[in-house]
């Protein structure tokens, strides 16, 4: 997942690609300590589906009983309703 995002961004700016990936990776660690810190997904009525934002990317995760599952990292303009 990270390689595809980094490659896409790096075609315009290798520096920006590195910054985005570092931020995404750092944010994926946050829910371990604060699982409900991310905002509830507006597309779904489910308190366990959350998101954090890194630049223009959405880090979507699910809070489960014993673990946090990162479901997707997608560009913010992508519509989840489809």
N, C-alpha and C. Protein backbone atom coordinates (compact mmCIF):
# COMPACT_ATOMS: atom_id res chain seq x y z
N UNK A 1 0.82 -1.19 0.00
CA UNK A 1 0.00 0.00 0.00
C UNK A 1 0.87 1.25 0.00
N UNK A 2 1.86 1.30 0.89
CA UNK A 2 2.70 2.51 0.99
C UNK A 2 3.47 2.74 -0.31
N UNK A 3 3.96 1.66 -0.91
CA UNK A 3 4.76 1.80 -2.13
C UNK A 3 3.96 2.42 -3.26
N UNK A 4 2.71 2.03 -3.41
CA UNK A 4 1.87 2.58 -4.48
C UNK A 4 1.64 4.07 -4.27
N UNK A 5 1.35 4.46 -3.04
CA UNK A 5 1.14 5.88 -2.74
C UNK A 5 2.42 6.66 -2.96
N UNK A 6 3.52 6.14 -2.42
CA UNK A 6 4.81 6.83 -2.56
C UNK A 6 5.22 6.97 -4.02
N UNK A 7 5.05 5.93 -4.80
CA UNK A 7 5.42 5.98 -6.22
C UNK A 7 4.59 7.01 -6.98
N UNK A 8 3.30 7.04 -6.68
CA UNK A 8 2.42 7.98 -7.35
C UNK A 8 2.83 9.43 -7.04
N UNK A 9 3.06 9.72 -5.77
CA UNK A 9 3.42 11.08 -5.37
C UNK A 9 4.82 11.43 -5.84
N UNK A 10 5.74 10.47 -5.79
CA UNK A 10 7.14 10.72 -6.15
C UNK A 10 7.32 11.13 -7.60
N UNK A 11 6.37 10.78 -8.45
CA UNK A 11 6.49 11.20 -9.85
C UNK A 11 6.48 12.72 -9.96
N UNK A 12 5.88 13.40 -9.00
CA UNK A 12 5.89 14.87 -8.96
C UNK A 12 6.91 15.41 -7.97
N UNK A 13 7.04 14.74 -6.81
CA UNK A 13 7.94 15.26 -5.77
C UNK A 13 8.37 14.14 -4.82
N UNK A 14 9.60 13.66 -4.96
CA UNK A 14 10.10 12.63 -4.04
C UNK A 14 10.10 13.10 -2.58
N UNK A 15 10.40 14.38 -2.36
CA UNK A 15 10.41 14.90 -0.99
C UNK A 15 9.01 14.84 -0.38
N UNK A 16 8.01 15.30 -1.13
CA UNK A 16 6.63 15.29 -0.64
C UNK A 16 6.17 13.85 -0.41
N UNK A 17 6.55 12.94 -1.29
CA UNK A 17 6.18 11.53 -1.12
C UNK A 17 6.70 10.99 0.21
N UNK A 18 7.93 11.29 0.51
CA UNK A 18 8.52 10.84 1.77
C UNK A 18 7.79 11.43 2.97
N UNK A 19 7.45 12.71 2.91
CA UNK A 19 6.72 13.37 4.00
C UNK A 19 5.35 12.76 4.22
N UNK A 20 4.65 12.51 3.14
CA UNK A 20 3.31 11.93 3.23
C UNK A 20 3.36 10.55 3.85
N UNK A 21 4.28 9.71 3.38
CA UNK A 21 4.38 8.35 3.91
C UNK A 21 4.76 8.36 5.39
N UNK A 22 5.69 9.22 5.77
CA UNK A 22 6.07 9.32 7.20
C UNK A 22 4.86 9.69 8.06
N UNK A 23 4.06 10.64 7.58
CA UNK A 23 2.89 11.08 8.33
C UNK A 23 1.85 9.97 8.42
N UNK A 24 1.61 9.27 7.31
CA UNK A 24 0.64 8.17 7.32
C UNK A 24 1.06 7.09 8.31
N UNK A 25 2.33 6.69 8.25
CA UNK A 25 2.83 5.65 9.16
C UNK A 25 2.71 6.10 10.61
N UNK A 26 3.05 7.34 10.89
CA UNK A 26 2.95 7.84 12.26
C UNK A 26 1.50 7.82 12.75
N UNK A 27 0.58 8.22 11.90
CA UNK A 27 -0.83 8.25 12.30
C UNK A 27 -1.42 6.85 12.48
N UNK A 28 -0.90 5.86 11.77
CA UNK A 28 -1.44 4.51 11.95
C UNK A 28 -1.10 3.95 13.33
N UNK A 29 -0.16 4.56 14.01
CA UNK A 29 0.21 4.11 15.36
C UNK A 29 -0.65 4.75 16.44
N UNK A 30 -1.27 5.88 16.16
CA UNK A 30 -2.05 6.61 17.16
C UNK A 30 -3.22 5.83 17.73
N UNK A 31 -4.02 5.12 16.92
CA UNK A 31 -5.18 4.41 17.47
C UNK A 31 -4.84 3.33 18.50
N UNK A 32 -3.58 2.87 18.54
CA UNK A 32 -3.20 1.88 19.55
C UNK A 32 -3.47 2.42 20.95
N UNK A 33 -3.16 3.69 21.18
CA UNK A 33 -3.35 4.29 22.49
C UNK A 33 -4.70 4.99 22.62
N UNK A 34 -5.19 5.56 21.52
CA UNK A 34 -6.43 6.33 21.54
C UNK A 34 -7.34 5.87 20.40
N UNK A 35 -7.96 4.70 20.54
CA UNK A 35 -8.70 4.10 19.42
C UNK A 35 -9.83 4.96 18.86
N UNK A 36 -10.46 5.78 19.69
CA UNK A 36 -11.58 6.57 19.20
C UNK A 36 -11.20 8.04 18.95
N UNK A 37 -9.89 8.28 18.80
CA UNK A 37 -9.42 9.64 18.54
C UNK A 37 -9.79 10.11 17.13
N UNK A 38 -9.83 9.18 16.19
CA UNK A 38 -10.21 9.55 14.83
C UNK A 38 -11.69 9.87 14.76
N UNK A 39 -12.04 10.63 13.73
CA UNK A 39 -13.46 10.97 13.61
C UNK A 39 -14.24 9.80 13.01
N UNK A 40 -15.51 9.74 13.34
CA UNK A 40 -16.40 8.72 12.80
C UNK A 40 -16.56 8.97 11.30
N UNK A 41 -16.58 7.91 10.52
CA UNK A 41 -16.74 8.06 9.07
C UNK A 41 -18.11 8.65 8.76
N UNK A 42 -18.16 9.73 8.00
CA UNK A 42 -19.46 10.34 7.70
C UNK A 42 -20.32 9.47 6.78
N UNK A 43 -19.71 8.57 6.03
CA UNK A 43 -20.45 7.74 5.07
C UNK A 43 -21.22 6.59 5.72
N UNK A 44 -20.85 6.24 6.96
CA UNK A 44 -21.43 5.07 7.61
C UNK A 44 -21.87 5.40 9.03
N UNK A 45 -22.95 4.78 9.46
CA UNK A 45 -23.44 4.95 10.83
C UNK A 45 -22.89 3.81 11.68
N UNK A 46 -21.59 3.86 11.95
CA UNK A 46 -20.91 2.79 12.67
C UNK A 46 -19.80 3.43 13.52
N UNK A 47 -19.97 3.40 14.83
CA UNK A 47 -18.99 4.03 15.73
C UNK A 47 -17.62 3.38 15.69
N UNK A 48 -17.51 2.16 15.19
CA UNK A 48 -16.21 1.48 15.17
C UNK A 48 -15.39 1.83 13.93
N UNK A 49 -15.99 2.47 12.95
CA UNK A 49 -15.26 2.89 11.75
C UNK A 49 -14.81 4.33 11.94
N UNK A 50 -13.50 4.55 11.88
CA UNK A 50 -12.90 5.85 12.17
C UNK A 50 -11.92 6.23 11.08
N UNK A 51 -11.54 7.51 11.07
CA UNK A 51 -10.52 7.95 10.12
C UNK A 51 -9.64 9.03 10.72
N UNK A 52 -8.41 9.03 10.25
CA UNK A 52 -7.45 10.08 10.54
C UNK A 52 -7.00 10.64 9.18
N UNK A 53 -6.58 11.89 9.15
CA UNK A 53 -6.21 12.53 7.90
C UNK A 53 -4.71 12.84 7.90
N UNK A 54 -4.06 12.44 6.81
CA UNK A 54 -2.65 12.76 6.58
C UNK A 54 -2.56 13.44 5.21
N UNK A 55 -2.31 14.73 5.22
CA UNK A 55 -2.33 15.52 3.99
C UNK A 55 -3.68 15.32 3.32
N UNK A 56 -3.73 14.82 2.11
CA UNK A 56 -5.03 14.62 1.46
C UNK A 56 -5.45 13.15 1.45
N UNK A 57 -4.89 12.36 2.36
CA UNK A 57 -5.21 10.93 2.44
C UNK A 57 -5.99 10.62 3.71
N UNK A 58 -6.94 9.72 3.57
CA UNK A 58 -7.76 9.26 4.69
C UNK A 58 -7.25 7.89 5.14
N UNK A 59 -6.93 7.78 6.41
CA UNK A 59 -6.54 6.51 7.00
C UNK A 59 -7.79 5.97 7.70
N UNK A 60 -8.37 4.95 7.12
CA UNK A 60 -9.63 4.41 7.63
C UNK A 60 -9.33 3.15 8.43
N UNK A 61 -9.85 3.11 9.64
CA UNK A 61 -9.60 1.95 10.50
C UNK A 61 -10.85 1.55 11.26
N UNK A 62 -10.84 0.31 11.73
CA UNK A 62 -11.95 -0.23 12.51
C UNK A 62 -11.43 -0.57 13.91
N UNK A 63 -12.17 -0.16 14.91
CA UNK A 63 -11.86 -0.49 16.30
C UNK A 63 -12.56 -1.80 16.62
N UNK A 64 -11.78 -2.83 16.90
CA UNK A 64 -12.33 -4.13 17.25
C UNK A 64 -12.02 -4.41 18.72
N UNK A 65 -12.56 -5.48 19.25
CA UNK A 65 -12.43 -5.79 20.68
C UNK A 65 -10.99 -5.83 21.16
N UNK A 66 -10.11 -6.47 20.41
CA UNK A 66 -8.73 -6.64 20.88
C UNK A 66 -7.68 -6.04 19.94
N UNK A 67 -8.13 -5.43 18.85
CA UNK A 67 -7.15 -4.86 17.93
C UNK A 67 -7.76 -3.72 17.11
N UNK A 68 -6.87 -2.97 16.49
CA UNK A 68 -7.24 -1.91 15.56
C UNK A 68 -6.83 -2.39 14.18
N UNK A 69 -7.75 -2.36 13.23
CA UNK A 69 -7.46 -2.84 11.88
C UNK A 69 -7.51 -1.65 10.92
N UNK A 70 -6.37 -1.37 10.29
CA UNK A 70 -6.35 -0.34 9.26
C UNK A 70 -6.97 -0.95 8.01
N UNK A 71 -8.11 -0.42 7.60
CA UNK A 71 -8.85 -0.98 6.48
C UNK A 71 -8.38 -0.43 5.15
N UNK A 72 -8.00 0.85 5.12
CA UNK A 72 -7.61 1.47 3.85
C UNK A 72 -6.92 2.79 4.09
N UNK A 73 -6.11 3.16 3.12
CA UNK A 73 -5.56 4.50 3.03
C UNK A 73 -5.91 4.96 1.63
N UNK A 74 -6.79 5.96 1.55
CA UNK A 74 -7.28 6.39 0.25
C UNK A 74 -7.17 7.90 0.12
N UNK A 75 -7.17 8.38 -1.10
CA UNK A 75 -7.14 9.81 -1.35
C UNK A 75 -8.47 10.40 -0.88
N UNK A 76 -8.42 11.57 -0.31
CA UNK A 76 -9.60 12.21 0.24
C UNK A 76 -10.71 12.48 -0.75
N UNK A 77 -10.40 12.56 -2.04
CA UNK A 77 -11.44 12.82 -3.04
C UNK A 77 -12.20 11.58 -3.45
N UNK A 78 -11.72 10.43 -3.02
CA UNK A 78 -12.40 9.18 -3.37
C UNK A 78 -13.68 9.03 -2.56
N UNK A 79 -14.75 8.66 -3.21
CA UNK A 79 -16.05 8.50 -2.57
C UNK A 79 -16.23 7.05 -2.12
N UNK A 80 -16.44 6.85 -0.81
CA UNK A 80 -16.63 5.50 -0.28
C UNK A 80 -18.03 4.98 -0.53
N UNK A 81 -18.94 5.84 -0.89
CA UNK A 81 -20.32 5.42 -1.09
C UNK A 81 -20.54 4.60 -2.34
N UNK A 82 -19.57 4.53 -3.22
CA UNK A 82 -19.73 3.78 -4.47
C UNK A 82 -19.18 2.39 -4.36
